[in-house]
Amino acid sequence: MISTTLWNDYNAALSAIESVSRTSNIIGEYAEELVKKVSNGQLAPPSQKGYDIDANGVRIQVKATRQEGLPLEGNTSDFHNEEFDKLIGVVFDKKGRIIKVVEVSAAEAISMGHKRSDGAWSISWGKLVNAGHDITAYYINVVLP
């Protein structure tokens, strides 16, 4: 049962997060902040297509999901072009803890992706976390201000 207190706490937390977020994809934004910190990069403008972080000329596409645990279900959100150098996938559990972070080159991402008729791509999370280079150790203890 969802109590009034729990409902009010949820909405207060959501409002606080929305007041500092750039988009409605809160999970993705948090992952982007983590990748930005670890890579010493800069966030691309919210409307930038193709990548999310510029890390000294390396364009990084960030994908994130929050799931119960492994094995993972579903696909990444769409990406619409190949204008990135690498893709970093961040997997959080239902409590927001990092389960796994993987990195693949753009070529690897495209080769394992599903391209739809509208030109957008997505990748199965199960395929991504098993094919990528596991870089979880670089992220597990990162604390954002």
N, C-alpha and C. Protein backbone atom coordinates (compact mmCIF):
# COMPACT_ATOMS: atom_id res chain seq x y z
N MET A 1 0.84 -1.18 0.00
CA MET A 1 0.00 0.00 0.00
C MET A 1 0.89 1.25 0.00
N ILE A 2 0.51 2.21 -0.81
CA ILE A 2 1.22 3.47 -0.85
C ILE A 2 0.53 4.43 0.11
N SER A 3 1.25 4.81 1.15
CA SER A 3 0.68 5.73 2.14
C SER A 3 0.83 7.17 1.66
N THR A 4 0.10 8.06 2.28
CA THR A 4 0.20 9.48 1.95
C THR A 4 1.61 9.99 2.25
N THR A 5 2.20 9.55 3.32
CA THR A 5 3.57 9.98 3.67
C THR A 5 4.56 9.53 2.61
N LEU A 6 4.47 8.28 2.19
CA LEU A 6 5.37 7.77 1.16
C LEU A 6 5.16 8.53 -0.15
N TRP A 7 3.92 8.76 -0.51
CA TRP A 7 3.59 9.51 -1.73
C TRP A 7 4.17 10.93 -1.67
N ASN A 8 4.01 11.59 -0.53
CA ASN A 8 4.53 12.95 -0.38
C ASN A 8 6.05 12.97 -0.43
N ASP A 9 6.71 12.00 0.21
CA ASP A 9 8.16 11.90 0.18
C ASP A 9 8.67 11.69 -1.25
N TYR A 10 7.99 10.81 -1.98
CA TYR A 10 8.35 10.54 -3.37
C TYR A 10 8.27 11.82 -4.20
N ASN A 11 7.17 12.53 -4.09
CA ASN A 11 6.99 13.74 -4.88
C ASN A 11 7.95 14.85 -4.49
N ALA A 12 8.29 14.95 -3.21
CA ALA A 12 9.27 15.94 -2.77
C ALA A 12 10.65 15.63 -3.37
N ALA A 13 11.03 14.35 -3.33
CA ALA A 13 12.32 13.95 -3.91
C ALA A 13 12.33 14.18 -5.42
N LEU A 14 11.26 13.81 -6.09
CA LEU A 14 11.17 13.99 -7.53
C LEU A 14 11.25 15.48 -7.90
N SER A 15 10.57 16.32 -7.17
CA SER A 15 10.60 17.76 -7.43
C SER A 15 12.01 18.31 -7.23
N ALA A 16 12.70 17.86 -6.20
CA ALA A 16 14.06 18.32 -5.95
C ALA A 16 14.99 17.91 -7.09
N ILE A 17 14.85 16.69 -7.57
CA ILE A 17 15.68 16.22 -8.68
C ILE A 17 15.35 16.98 -9.96
N GLU A 18 14.08 17.16 -10.24
CA GLU A 18 13.67 17.87 -11.46
C GLU A 18 14.16 19.32 -11.47
N SER A 19 14.33 19.91 -10.29
CA SER A 19 14.78 21.30 -10.24
C SER A 19 16.23 21.47 -10.68
N VAL A 20 17.00 20.40 -10.69
CA VAL A 20 18.40 20.48 -11.11
C VAL A 20 18.69 19.64 -12.36
N SER A 21 17.68 18.99 -12.93
CA SER A 21 17.91 18.13 -14.08
C SER A 21 17.73 18.91 -15.39
N ARG A 22 18.36 18.40 -16.43
CA ARG A 22 18.30 19.03 -17.75
C ARG A 22 17.21 18.41 -18.61
N THR A 23 16.82 17.17 -18.32
CA THR A 23 15.82 16.46 -19.11
C THR A 23 14.91 15.69 -18.16
N SER A 24 14.00 14.93 -18.72
CA SER A 24 13.12 14.11 -17.89
C SER A 24 13.69 12.72 -17.62
N ASN A 25 14.85 12.42 -18.20
CA ASN A 25 15.49 11.12 -18.02
C ASN A 25 16.46 11.19 -16.84
N ILE A 26 15.93 11.06 -15.65
CA ILE A 26 16.72 11.24 -14.43
C ILE A 26 17.80 10.18 -14.28
N ILE A 27 17.48 8.94 -14.61
CA ILE A 27 18.47 7.86 -14.52
C ILE A 27 19.62 8.12 -15.49
N GLY A 28 19.27 8.50 -16.70
CA GLY A 28 20.29 8.80 -17.70
C GLY A 28 21.15 9.99 -17.32
N GLU A 29 20.52 11.01 -16.76
CA GLU A 29 21.28 12.19 -16.35
C GLU A 29 22.27 11.88 -15.24
N TYR A 30 21.85 11.06 -14.29
CA TYR A 30 22.75 10.70 -13.20
C TYR A 30 23.94 9.91 -13.77
N ALA A 31 23.67 8.99 -14.69
CA ALA A 31 24.74 8.23 -15.32
C ALA A 31 25.69 9.15 -16.09
N GLU A 32 25.14 10.15 -16.78
CA GLU A 32 25.98 11.10 -17.50
C GLU A 32 26.89 11.87 -16.55
N GLU A 33 26.37 12.26 -15.40
CA GLU A 33 27.19 12.96 -14.42
C GLU A 33 28.33 12.07 -13.91
N LEU A 34 28.04 10.78 -13.71
CA LEU A 34 29.09 9.84 -13.29
C LEU A 34 30.17 9.73 -14.36
N VAL A 35 29.74 9.54 -15.61
CA VAL A 35 30.70 9.39 -16.71
C VAL A 35 31.49 10.68 -16.89
N LYS A 36 30.82 11.81 -16.77
CA LYS A 36 31.51 13.11 -16.87
C LYS A 36 32.63 13.20 -15.83
N LYS A 37 32.33 12.82 -14.61
CA LYS A 37 33.32 12.92 -13.54
C LYS A 37 34.49 11.97 -13.78
N VAL A 38 34.21 10.72 -14.10
CA VAL A 38 35.28 9.73 -14.29
C VAL A 38 36.14 10.07 -15.50
N SER A 39 35.51 10.58 -16.57
CA SER A 39 36.25 10.87 -17.81
C SER A 39 36.86 12.26 -17.85
N ASN A 40 36.57 13.08 -16.81
CA ASN A 40 36.99 14.48 -16.81
C ASN A 40 36.48 15.21 -18.05
N GLY A 41 35.27 14.85 -18.46
CA GLY A 41 34.68 15.44 -19.66
C GLY A 41 33.70 16.55 -19.35
N GLN A 42 33.04 16.99 -20.40
CA GLN A 42 32.03 18.04 -20.32
C GLN A 42 30.73 17.51 -20.91
N LEU A 43 29.62 17.89 -20.30
CA LEU A 43 28.32 17.50 -20.84
C LEU A 43 28.08 18.24 -22.15
N ALA A 44 27.57 17.50 -23.13
CA ALA A 44 27.14 18.13 -24.37
C ALA A 44 25.81 18.84 -24.09
N PRO A 45 25.44 19.81 -24.90
CA PRO A 45 24.14 20.44 -24.71
C PRO A 45 23.02 19.40 -24.79
N PRO A 46 21.90 19.62 -24.06
CA PRO A 46 20.82 18.63 -24.05
C PRO A 46 20.30 18.26 -25.44
N SER A 47 20.36 19.17 -26.38
CA SER A 47 19.84 18.91 -27.73
C SER A 47 20.86 18.24 -28.64
N GLN A 48 22.08 18.03 -28.15
CA GLN A 48 23.14 17.43 -28.97
C GLN A 48 22.77 16.00 -29.35
N LYS A 49 22.77 15.70 -30.62
CA LYS A 49 22.50 14.35 -31.09
C LYS A 49 23.83 13.62 -31.27
N GLY A 50 23.87 12.37 -30.86
CA GLY A 50 25.03 11.55 -31.14
C GLY A 50 25.91 11.23 -29.95
N TYR A 51 26.05 12.18 -29.03
CA TYR A 51 26.87 11.91 -27.86
C TYR A 51 26.42 12.78 -26.69
N ASP A 52 26.83 12.37 -25.49
CA ASP A 52 26.42 13.06 -24.27
C ASP A 52 27.57 13.77 -23.56
N ILE A 53 28.77 13.24 -23.73
CA ILE A 53 29.95 13.76 -23.04
C ILE A 53 31.07 13.95 -24.07
N ASP A 54 31.79 15.06 -23.93
CA ASP A 54 33.01 15.27 -24.70
C ASP A 54 34.15 15.22 -23.70
N ALA A 55 34.97 14.18 -23.81
CA ALA A 55 36.10 13.99 -22.91
C ALA A 55 37.39 14.20 -23.70
N ASN A 56 37.80 15.45 -23.78
CA ASN A 56 39.02 15.79 -24.52
C ASN A 56 38.98 15.29 -25.95
N GLY A 57 37.87 15.52 -26.63
CA GLY A 57 37.72 15.13 -28.02
C GLY A 57 37.15 13.75 -28.24
N VAL A 58 37.02 12.95 -27.18
CA VAL A 58 36.39 11.63 -27.28
C VAL A 58 34.90 11.81 -26.98
N ARG A 59 34.08 11.51 -27.97
CA ARG A 59 32.63 11.70 -27.83
C ARG A 59 32.02 10.41 -27.26
N ILE A 60 31.37 10.55 -26.11
CA ILE A 60 30.84 9.39 -25.39
C ILE A 60 29.31 9.42 -25.38
N GLN A 61 28.71 8.36 -25.85
CA GLN A 61 27.26 8.15 -25.76
C GLN A 61 27.03 7.38 -24.46
N VAL A 62 26.13 7.85 -23.60
CA VAL A 62 25.86 7.20 -22.32
C VAL A 62 24.45 6.62 -22.36
N LYS A 63 24.34 5.37 -21.96
CA LYS A 63 23.04 4.70 -21.81
C LYS A 63 22.96 4.16 -20.40
N ALA A 64 21.77 4.21 -19.81
CA ALA A 64 21.62 3.76 -18.43
C ALA A 64 20.28 3.05 -18.26
N THR A 65 20.25 2.15 -17.29
CA THR A 65 19.02 1.45 -16.94
C THR A 65 19.01 1.18 -15.44
N ARG A 66 17.83 1.02 -14.92
CA ARG A 66 17.64 0.68 -13.50
C ARG A 66 16.77 -0.57 -13.50
N GLN A 67 17.35 -1.67 -13.03
CA GLN A 67 16.65 -2.95 -13.09
C GLN A 67 16.84 -3.72 -11.79
N GLU A 68 16.09 -4.79 -11.67
CA GLU A 68 16.14 -5.62 -10.46
C GLU A 68 17.50 -6.27 -10.27
N GLY A 69 18.14 -6.63 -11.33
CA GLY A 69 19.45 -7.28 -11.26
C GLY A 69 19.72 -8.01 -12.56
N LEU A 70 20.76 -8.80 -12.56
CA LEU A 70 21.13 -9.56 -13.76
C LEU A 70 20.36 -10.87 -13.79
N PRO A 71 19.98 -11.41 -14.93
CA PRO A 71 20.19 -10.88 -16.28
C PRO A 71 19.27 -9.70 -16.56
N LEU A 72 19.69 -8.87 -17.48
CA LEU A 72 18.96 -7.65 -17.79
C LEU A 72 17.92 -7.87 -18.87
N GLU A 73 16.89 -7.07 -18.82
CA GLU A 73 15.82 -7.14 -19.82
C GLU A 73 15.79 -5.86 -20.63
N GLY A 74 15.19 -5.95 -21.81
CA GLY A 74 14.93 -4.77 -22.62
C GLY A 74 16.14 -4.27 -23.38
N ASN A 75 15.94 -3.11 -23.98
CA ASN A 75 16.95 -2.47 -24.82
C ASN A 75 17.33 -1.10 -24.28
N THR A 76 18.46 -0.61 -24.72
CA THR A 76 18.85 0.76 -24.40
C THR A 76 17.86 1.72 -25.03
N SER A 77 17.89 2.97 -24.58
CA SER A 77 17.15 4.00 -25.30
C SER A 77 17.80 4.16 -26.67
N ASP A 78 17.09 4.81 -27.56
CA ASP A 78 17.56 4.94 -28.93
C ASP A 78 18.77 5.85 -29.05
N PHE A 79 19.59 5.57 -30.05
CA PHE A 79 20.57 6.53 -30.52
C PHE A 79 20.35 6.66 -32.01
N HIS A 80 20.57 7.86 -32.53
CA HIS A 80 20.10 8.18 -33.87
C HIS A 80 21.18 8.34 -34.92
N ASN A 81 22.42 8.30 -34.51
CA ASN A 81 23.50 8.38 -35.49
C ASN A 81 24.75 7.74 -34.91
N GLU A 82 25.79 7.75 -35.70
CA GLU A 82 27.04 7.12 -35.29
C GLU A 82 28.10 8.15 -34.96
N GLU A 83 27.69 9.31 -34.49
CA GLU A 83 28.62 10.40 -34.23
C GLU A 83 29.18 10.35 -32.80
N PHE A 84 29.57 9.17 -32.38
CA PHE A 84 30.21 9.02 -31.08
C PHE A 84 31.39 8.07 -31.24
N ASP A 85 32.31 8.14 -30.30
CA ASP A 85 33.51 7.30 -30.36
C ASP A 85 33.36 6.05 -29.52
N LYS A 86 32.64 6.18 -28.40
CA LYS A 86 32.39 5.01 -27.56
C LYS A 86 31.07 5.18 -26.84
N LEU A 87 30.54 4.06 -26.44
CA LEU A 87 29.29 4.03 -25.69
C LEU A 87 29.58 3.42 -24.33
N ILE A 88 29.09 4.07 -23.28
CA ILE A 88 29.22 3.53 -21.93
C ILE A 88 27.82 3.24 -21.42
N GLY A 89 27.61 1.99 -21.01
CA GLY A 89 26.33 1.56 -20.44
C GLY A 89 26.46 1.42 -18.94
N VAL A 90 25.54 2.05 -18.21
CA VAL A 90 25.56 2.02 -16.75
C VAL A 90 24.29 1.33 -16.27
N VAL A 91 24.47 0.32 -15.43
CA VAL A 91 23.33 -0.45 -14.90
C VAL A 91 23.24 -0.23 -13.40
N PHE A 92 22.07 0.27 -12.97
CA PHE A 92 21.79 0.47 -11.55
C PHE A 92 20.79 -0.58 -11.08
N ASP A 93 20.88 -0.94 -9.80
CA ASP A 93 19.84 -1.80 -9.25
C ASP A 93 18.68 -0.92 -8.77
N LYS A 94 17.65 -1.52 -8.21
CA LYS A 94 16.45 -0.77 -7.80
C LYS A 94 16.70 0.18 -6.64
N LYS A 95 17.84 0.03 -5.96
CA LYS A 95 18.20 0.96 -4.88
C LYS A 95 19.14 2.05 -5.38
N GLY A 96 19.43 2.04 -6.68
CA GLY A 96 20.29 3.07 -7.27
C GLY A 96 21.76 2.77 -7.21
N ARG A 97 22.13 1.58 -6.76
CA ARG A 97 23.54 1.21 -6.70
C ARG A 97 24.00 0.70 -8.06
N ILE A 98 25.26 0.95 -8.37
CA ILE A 98 25.81 0.50 -9.64
C ILE A 98 26.00 -1.01 -9.59
N ILE A 99 25.45 -1.69 -10.59
CA ILE A 99 25.65 -3.13 -10.75
C ILE A 99 26.83 -3.37 -11.70
N LYS A 100 26.80 -2.65 -12.83
CA LYS A 100 27.82 -2.88 -13.85
C LYS A 100 27.93 -1.66 -14.75
N VAL A 101 29.16 -1.38 -15.19
CA VAL A 101 29.41 -0.34 -16.17
C VAL A 101 30.28 -0.97 -17.26
N VAL A 102 29.85 -0.80 -18.50
CA VAL A 102 30.59 -1.38 -19.62
C VAL A 102 30.86 -0.31 -20.67
N GLU A 103 31.90 -0.56 -21.45
CA GLU A 103 32.28 0.36 -22.52
C GLU A 103 32.48 -0.43 -23.80
N VAL A 104 31.96 0.11 -24.90
CA VAL A 104 32.19 -0.47 -26.22
C VAL A 104 32.51 0.65 -27.19
N SER A 105 33.23 0.33 -28.24
CA SER A 105 33.50 1.31 -29.29
C SER A 105 32.22 1.56 -30.08
N ALA A 106 32.20 2.63 -30.84
CA ALA A 106 31.04 2.91 -31.69
C ALA A 106 30.80 1.76 -32.66
N ALA A 107 31.88 1.23 -33.22
CA ALA A 107 31.74 0.12 -34.18
C ALA A 107 31.11 -1.10 -33.51
N GLU A 108 31.54 -1.40 -32.27
CA GLU A 108 30.95 -2.53 -31.54
C GLU A 108 29.47 -2.27 -31.25
N ALA A 109 29.16 -1.05 -30.85
CA ALA A 109 27.76 -0.70 -30.54
C ALA A 109 26.88 -0.86 -31.77
N ILE A 110 27.34 -0.36 -32.89
CA ILE A 110 26.56 -0.45 -34.13
C ILE A 110 26.40 -1.91 -34.54
N SER A 111 27.47 -2.70 -34.41
CA SER A 111 27.40 -4.10 -34.86
C SER A 111 26.43 -4.93 -34.02
N MET A 112 26.25 -4.59 -32.75
CA MET A 112 25.33 -5.37 -31.93
C MET A 112 23.95 -4.73 -31.81
N GLY A 113 23.78 -3.56 -32.43
CA GLY A 113 22.51 -2.84 -32.33
C GLY A 113 21.45 -3.35 -33.28
N HIS A 114 20.24 -2.90 -33.00
CA HIS A 114 19.08 -3.18 -33.85
C HIS A 114 18.68 -1.87 -34.51
N LYS A 115 18.74 -1.81 -35.83
CA LYS A 115 18.36 -0.58 -36.53
C LYS A 115 16.93 -0.71 -37.02
N ARG A 116 16.12 0.28 -36.65
CA ARG A 116 14.72 0.28 -37.08
C ARG A 116 14.58 1.00 -38.41
N SER A 117 13.40 0.92 -38.98
CA SER A 117 13.15 1.56 -40.27
C SER A 117 13.27 3.08 -40.20
N ASP A 118 13.06 3.67 -39.02
CA ASP A 118 13.20 5.13 -38.88
C ASP A 118 14.65 5.56 -38.69
N GLY A 119 15.58 4.61 -38.69
CA GLY A 119 17.00 4.91 -38.59
C GLY A 119 17.55 4.91 -37.18
N ALA A 120 16.71 4.79 -36.17
CA ALA A 120 17.19 4.77 -34.79
C ALA A 120 17.73 3.39 -34.44
N TRP A 121 18.70 3.36 -33.53
CA TRP A 121 19.33 2.13 -33.08
C TRP A 121 19.05 1.92 -31.61
N SER A 122 19.05 0.68 -31.17
CA SER A 122 19.09 0.35 -29.75
C SER A 122 19.83 -0.97 -29.62
N ILE A 123 20.26 -1.27 -28.41
CA ILE A 123 21.02 -2.49 -28.14
C ILE A 123 20.36 -3.23 -27.00
N SER A 124 20.29 -4.52 -27.10
CA SER A 124 19.80 -5.34 -25.99
C SER A 124 20.74 -5.16 -24.81
N TRP A 125 20.16 -4.87 -23.62
CA TRP A 125 21.01 -4.71 -22.44
C TRP A 125 21.79 -5.98 -22.14
N GLY A 126 21.15 -7.13 -22.32
CA GLY A 126 21.85 -8.39 -22.07
C GLY A 126 23.07 -8.56 -22.96
N LYS A 127 22.92 -8.18 -24.22
CA LYS A 127 24.04 -8.26 -25.16
C LYS A 127 25.13 -7.25 -24.80
N LEU A 128 24.72 -6.03 -24.46
CA LEU A 128 25.69 -4.98 -24.16
C LEU A 128 26.55 -5.32 -22.95
N VAL A 129 25.94 -5.74 -21.87
CA VAL A 129 26.74 -5.99 -20.65
C VAL A 129 27.63 -7.22 -20.79
N ASN A 130 27.29 -8.11 -21.69
CA ASN A 130 28.13 -9.29 -21.89
C ASN A 130 29.22 -9.08 -22.93
N ALA A 131 29.03 -8.10 -23.82
CA ALA A 131 30.02 -7.86 -24.87
C ALA A 131 31.00 -6.75 -24.51
N GLY A 132 30.57 -5.87 -23.64
CA GLY A 132 31.39 -4.70 -23.35
C GLY A 132 32.57 -5.00 -22.45
N HIS A 133 33.47 -4.03 -22.41
CA HIS A 133 34.62 -4.10 -21.51
C HIS A 133 34.14 -3.63 -20.14
N ASP A 134 34.28 -4.46 -19.14
CA ASP A 134 33.78 -4.15 -17.81
C ASP A 134 34.67 -3.09 -17.17
N ILE A 135 34.10 -1.90 -16.92
CA ILE A 135 34.84 -0.80 -16.30
C ILE A 135 34.18 -0.39 -14.98
N THR A 136 33.43 -1.30 -14.39
CA THR A 136 32.70 -1.03 -13.16
C THR A 136 33.61 -0.49 -12.06
N ALA A 137 34.79 -1.03 -11.93
CA ALA A 137 35.70 -0.66 -10.85
C ALA A 137 36.00 0.84 -10.84
N TYR A 138 35.97 1.50 -11.99
CA TYR A 138 36.23 2.94 -12.06
C TYR A 138 35.06 3.77 -11.53
N TYR A 139 33.90 3.16 -11.43
CA TYR A 139 32.68 3.89 -11.08
C TYR A 139 32.11 3.56 -9.71
N ILE A 140 32.43 2.43 -9.19
CA ILE A 140 31.72 1.89 -8.02
C ILE A 140 31.78 2.81 -6.80
N ASN A 141 32.85 3.57 -6.62
CA ASN A 141 32.97 4.43 -5.44
C ASN A 141 32.90 5.92 -5.75
N VAL A 142 32.44 6.25 -6.96
CA VAL A 142 32.35 7.67 -7.35
C VAL A 142 31.21 8.32 -6.57
N VAL A 143 31.50 9.47 -5.99
CA VAL A 143 30.49 10.23 -5.26
C VAL A 143 30.33 11.58 -5.95
N LEU A 144 29.10 11.91 -6.26
CA LEU A 144 28.82 13.21 -6.88
C LEU A 144 28.48 14.22 -5.79
N PRO A 145 28.84 15.47 -6.02
CA PRO A 145 28.56 16.50 -5.01
C PRO A 145 27.07 16.68 -4.76
